[in-house]
C-alpha atoms as a PDB file:
ATOM      1  CA  LEU A   1      87.368   4.504  99.714  1.00  0.00           C
ATOM      2  CA  TRP A   2      84.255   6.427  99.882  1.00  0.00           C
ATOM      3  CA  GLU A   3      84.115   5.906 103.963  1.00  0.00           C
ATOM      4  CA  ALA A   4      87.634   7.426 104.066  1.00  0.00           C
ATOM      5  CA  THR A   5      86.917  10.102 101.673  1.00  0.00           C
ATOM      6  CA  LEU A   6      83.911  10.988 104.022  1.00  0.00           C
ATOM      7  CA  THR A   7      85.661  10.485 107.095  1.00  0.00           C
ATOM      8  CA  GLN A   8      88.505  12.705 106.163  1.00  0.00           C
ATOM      9  CA  ALA A   9      87.163  15.534 104.914  1.00  0.00           C
ATOM     10  CA  PRO A  10      83.977  16.153 106.287  1.00  0.00           C
ATOM     11  CA  SER A  11      83.360  19.159 104.621  1.00  0.00           C
ATOM     12  CA  MET A  12      83.507  18.075 101.375  1.00  0.00           C
ATOM     13  CA  VAL A  13      80.302  16.317 101.713  1.00  0.00           C
ATOM     14  CA  PRO A  14      77.722  18.689 100.493  1.00  0.00           C
ATOM     15  CA  GLN A  15      79.881  19.020  97.451  1.00  0.00           C
ATOM     16  CA  LEU A  16      80.059  15.335  96.667  1.00  0.00           C
ATOM     17  CA  LEU A  17      76.450  15.153  97.499  1.00  0.00           C
ATOM     18  CA  ASP A  18      75.659  18.236  94.696  1.00  0.00           C
ATOM     19  CA  LEU A  19      77.551  16.243  92.266  1.00  0.00           C
ATOM     20  CA  PHE A  20      75.733  13.090  93.010  1.00  0.00           C
ATOM     21  CA  PRO A  21      73.356  13.600  90.612  1.00  0.00           C
ATOM     22  CA  TYR A  22      75.128  13.815  87.759  1.00  0.00           C
ATOM     23  CA  LEU A  23      77.585  10.894  88.717  1.00  0.00           C
ATOM     24  CA  VAL A  24      74.325   8.960  88.685  1.00  0.00           C
ATOM     25  CA  ALA A  25      73.407  10.046  85.142  1.00  0.00           C
ATOM     26  CA  ILE A  26      76.936   9.631  83.502  1.00  0.00           C
ATOM     27  CA  MET A  27      76.769   6.268  85.530  1.00  0.00           C
ATOM     28  CA  GLU A  28      73.440   5.100  84.042  1.00  0.00           C
ATOM     29  CA  ARG A  29      74.390   7.014  79.971  1.00  0.00           C
ATOM     30  CA  SER A  30      77.607   4.837  80.347  1.00  0.00           C
ATOM     31  CA  TYR A  31      75.442   1.731  81.215  1.00  0.00           C
ATOM     32  CA  ASP A  32      73.363   2.093  78.520  1.00  0.00           C
ATOM     33  CA  HIS A  33      76.118   2.605  76.068  1.00  0.00           C
ATOM     34  CA  LEU A  34      77.525  -0.744  76.458  1.00  0.00           C
ATOM     35  CA  GLN A  35      74.316  -2.569  76.012  1.00  0.00           C
END
């Protein structure tokens, strides 16, 4: 899915890279909450 998204919308790559740290933080927080 990510591959298709990146190949279809290369112009979105900077936005995805900007959002990535937030996604990682959210996933880490969710993981901590599940424990």
